[in-house]
Amino acid sequence: MDLERLRILLIDDHQLLLQGLERLLLDANAEVRISSDAEAALATLPQNPPDLILIDLFMPGMDGLGFIQAVNARQLLIPIAVISSTDDLLRIQQVLDAGVFGFIPKSYNREALLQAIDLILQGEVFLPKDIREKLAFLNRGGGERQANLGLSDRQLQIVQLLARGYPNKRISTTLHISDETVKTHLRNIFRQLDVNSRTEAVTKALEMQLVRL
């Protein structure tokens, strides 16, 4: 596949991976810019917009989700795809909800990566089959169970993070909400699950298959 004249911005804090991906795309004749700092890359977009942005999900400072939300807030109509090694379905669903055009595993070889980029450039949302199936299962089952308990999507996200042992501060950072908002959600979750503690909430959520470890 030839990406001639396609302008791609790569954002990743892992230099070896960044350079390897850059070489792969240059070999496909793309024009490539690289950055290890999402916030710095964001500042360049109005004056020098690429045709496609590929960004890692977990980075120090502004992470992938924060970058995507910032691009959306600025109404910059640039397709973005996440390229990551994570298998965190909650995080993947978050970036999909934020409007990314795809999730590409870092384990992909050259052919698979270029095929994913081709689909994205055609306007499709790219997801590996296994991740698509897992998300469909969780969303289908989760939606039915949430309806029974009246939990919102955000509350379910928080319960999932509770099950992973996240303290309030890490929950607020992960979901980009304030500590007070986390506390408010927890009070409502306790009431709706009819429990009095985080441990009881997690235990009941696991019993009801609202979340999984």
Protein backbone atom coordinates (compact mmCIF):
# COMPACT_ATOMS: atom_id res chain seq x y z
CA MET A 1 0.00 0.00 0.00
CA ASP A 2 1.28 3.46 -0.93
CA LEU A 3 0.62 6.41 1.39
CA GLU A 4 2.18 8.93 -0.98
CA ARG A 5 1.70 12.53 0.18
CA LEU A 6 -0.40 11.44 3.18
CA ARG A 7 0.60 13.64 6.13
CA ILE A 8 0.69 11.62 9.35
CA LEU A 9 1.43 12.89 12.85
CA LEU A 10 2.76 10.24 15.26
CA ILE A 11 2.59 10.92 18.99
CA ASP A 12 4.22 8.47 21.41
CA ASP A 13 6.57 8.84 24.36
CA HIS A 14 8.39 5.56 23.60
CA GLN A 15 11.21 6.66 21.31
CA LEU A 16 12.14 3.26 19.88
CA LEU A 17 8.54 2.47 18.97
CA LEU A 18 8.06 5.98 17.62
CA GLN A 19 11.11 5.73 15.39
CA GLY A 20 10.17 2.24 14.19
CA LEU A 21 6.68 3.35 13.27
CA GLU A 22 8.06 6.44 11.58
CA ARG A 23 10.36 4.32 9.42
CA LEU A 24 7.53 1.98 8.45
CA LEU A 25 5.32 4.87 7.32
CA LEU A 26 8.15 6.64 5.53
CA ASP A 27 8.80 3.42 3.62
CA ALA A 28 5.14 3.60 2.52
CA ASN A 29 5.86 7.12 1.17
CA ALA A 30 3.90 9.02 3.81
CA GLU A 31 5.00 12.41 5.07
CA VAL A 32 5.60 11.86 8.77
CA ARG A 33 5.95 14.18 11.75
CA ILE A 34 6.73 12.77 15.18
CA SER A 35 6.27 14.05 18.71
CA SER A 36 6.80 12.57 22.16
CA ASP A 37 4.71 15.32 23.80
CA ALA A 38 0.96 15.40 23.15
CA GLU A 39 0.48 18.94 24.43
CA ALA A 40 3.27 20.28 22.22
CA ALA A 41 1.84 18.42 19.23
CA LEU A 42 -1.60 19.89 19.93
CA ALA A 43 -0.21 23.41 19.65
CA THR A 44 0.99 22.74 16.08
CA LEU A 45 -2.33 21.54 14.68
CA PRO A 46 -4.02 24.84 13.71
CA GLN A 47 -1.06 25.95 11.59
CA ASN A 48 0.06 22.53 10.35
CA PRO A 49 -2.82 20.03 10.35
CA PRO A 50 -2.01 16.46 9.27
CA ASP A 51 -4.31 14.15 7.33
CA LEU A 52 -4.22 11.58 10.14
CA ILE A 53 -3.02 11.43 13.74
CA LEU A 54 -1.81 8.21 15.34
CA ILE A 55 -1.41 8.56 19.10
CA ASP A 56 -0.44 6.32 21.99
CA LEU A 57 -2.97 6.05 24.81
CA PHE A 58 -0.84 6.20 27.95
CA MET A 59 1.73 9.00 28.14
CA PRO A 60 3.03 11.33 30.85
CA GLY A 61 1.40 14.75 30.97
CA MET A 62 -1.44 14.95 28.47
CA ASP A 63 -2.42 11.38 27.60
CA GLY A 64 -4.12 10.08 24.48
CA LEU A 65 -7.67 10.60 25.70
CA GLY A 66 -6.88 14.11 26.92
CA PHE A 67 -5.39 14.94 23.51
CA ILE A 68 -8.46 13.61 21.68
CA GLN A 69 -10.78 15.63 23.90
CA ALA A 70 -8.68 18.75 23.36
CA VAL A 71 -8.81 18.30 19.58
CA ASN A 72 -12.59 17.89 19.78
CA ALA A 73 -12.94 21.00 21.94
CA ARG A 74 -11.05 23.00 19.33
CA GLN A 75 -13.30 21.60 16.58
CA LEU A 76 -10.29 20.47 14.57
CA LEU A 77 -11.65 18.02 12.02
CA ILE A 78 -8.65 15.70 11.89
CA PRO A 79 -9.13 11.91 12.02
CA ILE A 80 -7.39 10.33 15.01
CA ALA A 81 -6.61 6.69 15.67
CA VAL A 82 -5.13 5.26 18.84
CA ILE A 83 -2.16 2.93 18.48
CA SER A 84 -1.55 1.12 21.76
CA SER A 85 -0.69 -2.18 23.42
CA THR A 86 -3.42 -1.87 26.07
CA ASP A 87 -6.19 -4.42 26.50
CA ASP A 88 -8.14 -2.17 28.89
CA LEU A 89 -11.62 -2.34 27.37
CA LEU A 90 -12.89 0.54 29.49
CA ARG A 91 -10.18 2.82 28.15
CA ILE A 92 -10.71 1.64 24.58
CA GLN A 93 -14.44 2.32 24.88
CA GLN A 94 -13.68 5.79 26.24
CA VAL A 95 -11.62 6.79 23.22
CA LEU A 96 -14.23 5.34 20.87
CA ASP A 97 -16.88 7.38 22.65
CA ALA A 98 -14.64 10.42 22.18
CA GLY A 99 -14.82 9.90 18.42
CA VAL A 100 -11.58 8.23 17.34
CA PHE A 101 -11.51 6.49 13.99
CA GLY A 102 -9.84 3.37 15.24
CA PHE A 103 -7.81 1.38 17.73
CA ILE A 104 -4.68 -0.25 16.29
CA PRO A 105 -2.61 -2.68 18.41
CA LYS A 106 1.12 -1.94 18.51
CA SER A 107 1.70 -5.63 17.82
CA TYR A 108 0.42 -5.23 14.24
CA ASN A 109 2.88 -5.92 11.45
CA ARG A 110 3.41 -3.58 8.51
CA GLU A 111 0.67 -5.07 6.34
CA ALA A 112 -1.96 -5.08 9.09
CA LEU A 113 -1.12 -1.51 10.12
CA LEU A 114 -1.37 -0.18 6.57
CA GLN A 115 -4.67 -2.01 6.03
CA ALA A 116 -6.05 -0.42 9.20
CA ILE A 117 -4.93 3.03 8.05
CA ASP A 118 -6.54 2.43 4.64
CA LEU A 119 -9.90 1.61 6.25
CA ILE A 120 -9.69 4.68 8.47
CA LEU A 121 -8.96 6.91 5.48
CA GLN A 122 -12.08 5.50 3.83
CA GLY A 123 -14.08 6.83 6.77
CA GLU A 124 -14.53 3.56 8.64
CA VAL A 125 -13.85 3.00 12.33
CA PHE A 126 -11.22 0.30 12.64
CA LEU A 127 -11.24 -2.20 15.51
CA PRO A 128 -9.57 -5.61 15.67
CA LYS A 129 -12.15 -8.38 15.55
CA ASP A 130 -11.42 -9.69 19.05
CA ILE A 131 -11.75 -6.26 20.65
CA ARG A 132 -14.91 -5.50 18.69
CA GLU A 133 -16.49 -8.74 19.91
CA LYS A 134 -15.48 -8.16 23.53
CA LEU A 135 -16.86 -4.62 23.52
CA ALA A 136 -20.09 -5.78 21.91
CA PHE A 137 -20.52 -8.44 24.59
CA LEU A 138 -19.80 -6.07 27.46
CA ASN A 139 -21.98 -3.29 26.09
CA ARG A 140 -24.88 -5.62 25.38
CA GLY A 141 -24.81 -7.38 28.75
CA GLY A 142 -23.82 -4.29 30.68
CA GLY A 143 -26.67 -2.27 29.20
CA GLU A 144 -29.25 -4.80 30.34
CA ARG A 145 -27.84 -4.97 33.86
CA GLN A 146 -27.49 -1.19 34.17
CA ALA A 147 -31.14 -0.78 33.22
CA ASN A 148 -32.12 -3.07 36.08
CA LEU A 149 -30.12 -1.08 38.65
CA GLY A 150 -30.40 2.40 37.17
CA LEU A 151 -26.63 2.85 36.90
CA SER A 152 -25.39 5.37 34.36
CA ASP A 153 -22.48 4.64 32.02
CA ARG A 154 -20.24 6.89 34.13
CA GLN A 155 -21.25 5.12 37.35
CA LEU A 156 -20.47 1.76 35.79
CA GLN A 157 -17.03 3.05 34.78
CA ILE A 158 -16.40 4.11 38.37
CA VAL A 159 -17.52 0.75 39.75
CA GLN A 160 -15.11 -0.96 37.33
CA LEU A 161 -12.26 1.22 38.59
CA LEU A 162 -13.25 0.51 42.20
CA ALA A 163 -12.95 -3.19 41.41
CA ARG A 164 -9.38 -2.53 40.27
CA GLY A 165 -8.59 -0.87 43.57
CA TYR A 166 -8.33 2.67 42.24
CA PRO A 167 -8.46 5.41 44.91
CA ASN A 168 -10.60 8.49 44.29
CA LYS A 169 -7.68 10.54 43.00
CA ARG A 170 -6.75 8.00 40.35
CA ILE A 171 -10.41 7.62 39.33
CA SER A 172 -10.70 11.38 38.86
CA THR A 173 -7.50 11.46 36.79
CA THR A 174 -8.49 8.48 34.66
CA LEU A 175 -11.98 9.81 33.90
CA HIS A 176 -10.97 13.50 33.78
CA ILE A 177 -13.46 14.53 36.45
CA SER A 178 -12.99 16.28 39.79
CA ASP A 179 -12.55 14.53 43.15
CA GLU A 180 -15.88 15.99 44.28
CA THR A 181 -17.63 14.56 41.23
CA VAL A 182 -16.16 11.14 42.05
CA LYS A 183 -17.46 11.41 45.63
CA THR A 184 -20.92 12.39 44.39
CA HIS A 185 -21.01 9.43 42.02
CA LEU A 186 -19.89 7.09 44.82
CA ARG A 187 -22.70 8.27 47.10
CA ASN A 188 -25.21 7.64 44.33
CA ILE A 189 -23.69 4.25 43.52
CA PHE A 190 -23.86 3.19 47.18
CA ARG A 191 -27.51 4.23 47.30
CA GLN A 192 -28.46 2.46 44.08
CA LEU A 193 -26.62 -0.73 45.02
CA ASP A 194 -27.91 -0.49 48.60
CA VAL A 195 -24.42 -0.76 50.12
CA ASN A 196 -22.39 1.26 52.61
CA SER A 197 -18.78 0.90 51.48
CA ARG A 198 -16.49 0.57 48.48
CA THR A 199 -15.83 -3.08 49.33
CA GLU A 200 -19.54 -3.86 49.49
CA ALA A 201 -20.11 -2.02 46.21
CA VAL A 202 -17.43 -4.05 44.44
CA THR A 203 -18.67 -7.32 45.94
CA LYS A 204 -22.23 -6.67 44.84
CA ALA A 205 -21.17 -5.46 41.39
CA LEU A 206 -19.18 -8.65 40.87
CA GLU A 207 -22.07 -10.80 42.07
CA MET A 208 -24.42 -9.02 39.66
CA GLN A 209 -21.81 -9.27 36.87
CA LEU A 210 -21.80 -5.51 36.44
CA VAL A 211 -18.00 -5.60 36.28
CA ARG A 212 -15.27 -8.17 35.98
CA LEU A 213 -11.76 -8.38 37.41
